[in-house]
Amino acid sequence: MTVDTRIRVRYKETDQMGVVHHSNYYVWFEVARTEYLRKQGISYSEMEKRGIMLPLTETHCKYLQGAKYDDLVIVRTYMSRFSGARITMEYDVFRESDNCLLAKGKTVHAITDNNLKPINIRKVDPKLYELFIRCVTDKN
């Protein structure tokens, strides 16, 4: 299952060279990840109310082309791995006007309680466990 999130590049996201500063891609990943989960039927705030957190443990981004002010970009998001203790989200960023691939990224998240201690999600929240399983299965 992939989810596309559309983002319009704002002037403040560009650098002196007129291209999107690299740090903004991680903000876009967060926006897209939040929308991805929402489309799957759960929000971050709902998970937090259940006592489940997804702290970031790893990030990566490969920049291929620069986005510019006022470009409309699409962040295509999917869950590529779920181990029970971690999820891996992947992101492909395209410019909508020409479908040019601008960047590819990923984030890895531990599954923890509110105290950031690892939990067995299968025991703590079987419904969320099943949802994560479906997300990875639907991608393949």
Protein backbone atom coordinates (compact mmCIF):
# COMPACT_ATOMS: atom_id res chain seq x y z
CA MET A 1 0.00 0.00 0.00
CA THR A 2 1.45 3.33 -1.04
CA VAL A 3 0.10 6.74 -0.13
CA ASP A 4 0.87 9.92 -2.08
CA THR A 5 1.12 13.20 -0.18
CA ARG A 6 1.21 16.44 -2.20
CA ILE A 7 3.35 19.29 -0.89
CA ARG A 8 3.85 22.73 -2.45
CA VAL A 9 7.42 24.01 -1.99
CA ARG A 10 7.40 27.19 0.07
CA TYR A 11 9.92 29.98 -0.41
CA LYS A 12 11.29 29.51 3.13
CA GLU A 13 12.24 25.91 2.25
CA THR A 14 14.72 27.02 -0.42
CA ASP A 15 18.35 27.96 0.04
CA GLN A 16 20.50 30.67 -1.51
CA MET A 17 20.80 28.60 -4.70
CA GLY A 18 17.01 28.55 -5.07
CA VAL A 19 16.59 24.82 -4.42
CA VAL A 20 14.94 23.09 -1.48
CA HIS A 21 17.38 22.76 1.42
CA HIS A 22 18.13 19.11 2.15
CA SER A 23 16.77 19.27 5.71
CA ASN A 24 13.24 19.90 4.44
CA TYR A 25 12.99 16.44 2.93
CA TYR A 26 12.94 14.98 6.43
CA VAL A 27 10.07 17.30 7.36
CA TRP A 28 8.24 16.11 4.25
CA PHE A 29 8.91 12.50 5.24
CA GLU A 30 7.29 13.16 8.62
CA VAL A 31 4.25 14.77 6.98
CA ALA A 32 3.96 11.87 4.53
CA ARG A 33 4.42 9.21 7.25
CA THR A 34 1.68 10.82 9.33
CA GLU A 35 -0.66 10.84 6.33
CA TYR A 36 0.27 7.26 5.47
CA LEU A 37 -0.74 6.03 8.92
CA ARG A 38 -3.91 8.13 8.87
CA LYS A 39 -4.91 6.52 5.54
CA GLN A 40 -4.36 3.11 7.15
CA GLY A 41 -6.91 4.04 9.82
CA ILE A 42 -4.76 5.18 12.74
CA SER A 43 -3.23 8.53 13.65
CA TYR A 44 -0.04 9.20 15.58
CA SER A 45 -2.08 10.86 18.32
CA GLU A 46 -4.29 7.77 18.63
CA MET A 47 -1.22 5.54 18.95
CA GLU A 48 0.21 7.84 21.61
CA LYS A 49 -3.07 7.70 23.54
CA ARG A 50 -2.71 3.90 23.46
CA GLY A 51 0.79 4.29 24.92
CA ILE A 52 2.64 3.40 21.71
CA MET A 53 5.48 5.52 20.35
CA LEU A 54 7.52 5.23 17.13
CA PRO A 55 10.82 6.96 17.89
CA LEU A 56 13.14 7.45 14.95
CA THR A 57 16.29 5.31 15.05
CA GLU A 58 17.69 5.77 11.55
CA THR A 59 17.28 8.08 8.54
CA HIS A 60 18.62 8.17 5.03
CA CYS A 61 18.00 10.30 1.96
CA LYS A 62 19.56 10.20 -1.50
CA TYR A 63 19.10 13.45 -3.39
CA LEU A 64 18.81 13.09 -7.15
CA GLN A 65 17.43 16.43 -8.41
CA GLY A 66 16.60 19.70 -6.69
CA ALA A 67 13.06 20.89 -6.13
CA LYS A 68 12.46 24.64 -6.43
CA TYR A 69 10.11 27.23 -5.04
CA ASP A 70 6.45 26.62 -5.95
CA ASP A 71 7.08 23.12 -7.31
CA LEU A 72 4.35 20.68 -6.40
CA VAL A 73 6.00 17.54 -5.09
CA ILE A 74 4.52 14.16 -4.33
CA VAL A 75 5.95 12.07 -1.52
CA ARG A 76 5.04 8.44 -2.21
CA THR A 77 5.23 6.54 1.08
CA TYR A 78 5.12 2.87 1.96
CA MET A 79 6.09 0.55 4.80
CA SER A 80 8.81 -1.74 3.48
CA ARG A 81 9.59 -3.74 6.64
CA PHE A 82 7.95 -4.70 9.88
CA SER A 83 9.82 -6.94 12.31
CA GLY A 84 7.52 -6.69 15.31
CA ALA A 85 9.99 -4.38 17.03
CA ARG A 86 10.65 -1.91 14.19
CA ILE A 87 9.05 -0.49 11.10
CA THR A 88 10.83 0.87 8.04
CA MET A 89 9.12 3.55 5.99
CA GLU A 90 10.34 4.46 2.51
CA TYR A 91 9.72 7.62 0.52
CA ASP A 92 10.02 8.52 -3.16
CA VAL A 93 9.78 12.25 -3.85
CA PHE A 94 8.62 13.28 -7.33
CA ARG A 95 8.04 16.64 -8.98
CA GLU A 96 4.44 16.47 -10.15
CA SER A 97 4.88 18.52 -13.35
CA ASP A 98 7.30 16.10 -15.03
CA ASN A 99 7.19 13.06 -12.71
CA CYS A 100 10.93 13.49 -12.11
CA LEU A 101 12.26 11.48 -9.16
CA LEU A 102 13.91 14.04 -6.88
CA ALA A 103 14.89 11.96 -3.85
CA LYS A 104 14.59 8.56 -2.21
CA GLY A 105 14.60 8.15 1.54
CA LYS A 106 13.82 5.90 4.44
CA THR A 107 13.24 6.11 8.16
CA VAL A 108 13.43 3.31 10.71
CA HIS A 109 11.32 3.48 13.87
CA ALA A 110 11.41 1.43 17.05
CA ILE A 111 8.08 0.45 18.59
CA THR A 112 8.09 1.50 22.24
CA ASP A 113 5.93 2.48 25.18
CA ASN A 114 5.64 6.06 26.49
CA ASN A 115 8.94 5.59 28.37
CA LEU A 116 10.68 4.62 25.11
CA LYS A 117 11.12 1.03 26.25
CA PRO A 118 10.70 -1.56 23.47
CA ILE A 119 7.39 -3.42 23.56
CA ASN A 120 5.95 -6.55 22.03
CA ILE A 121 3.35 -4.90 19.80
CA ARG A 122 1.73 -8.26 19.07
CA LYS A 123 0.82 -8.59 22.76
CA VAL A 124 0.27 -4.92 23.59
CA ASP A 125 -1.91 -4.03 20.59
CA PRO A 126 -2.81 -7.00 18.35
CA LYS A 127 -4.93 -4.80 16.05
CA LEU A 128 -2.01 -2.47 15.36
CA TYR A 129 0.24 -5.49 14.85
CA GLU A 130 -2.18 -6.83 12.21
CA LEU A 131 -2.41 -3.42 10.55
CA PHE A 132 1.38 -3.23 10.22
CA ILE A 133 1.48 -6.77 8.81
CA ARG A 134 -1.14 -5.80 6.22
CA CYS A 135 0.78 -2.64 5.27
CA VAL A 136 3.90 -4.62 4.39
CA THR A 137 1.97 -7.45 2.73
CA ASP A 138 -0.07 -5.02 0.61
CA LYS A 139 3.14 -3.41 -0.71
CA ASN A 140 4.54 -6.67 -2.11
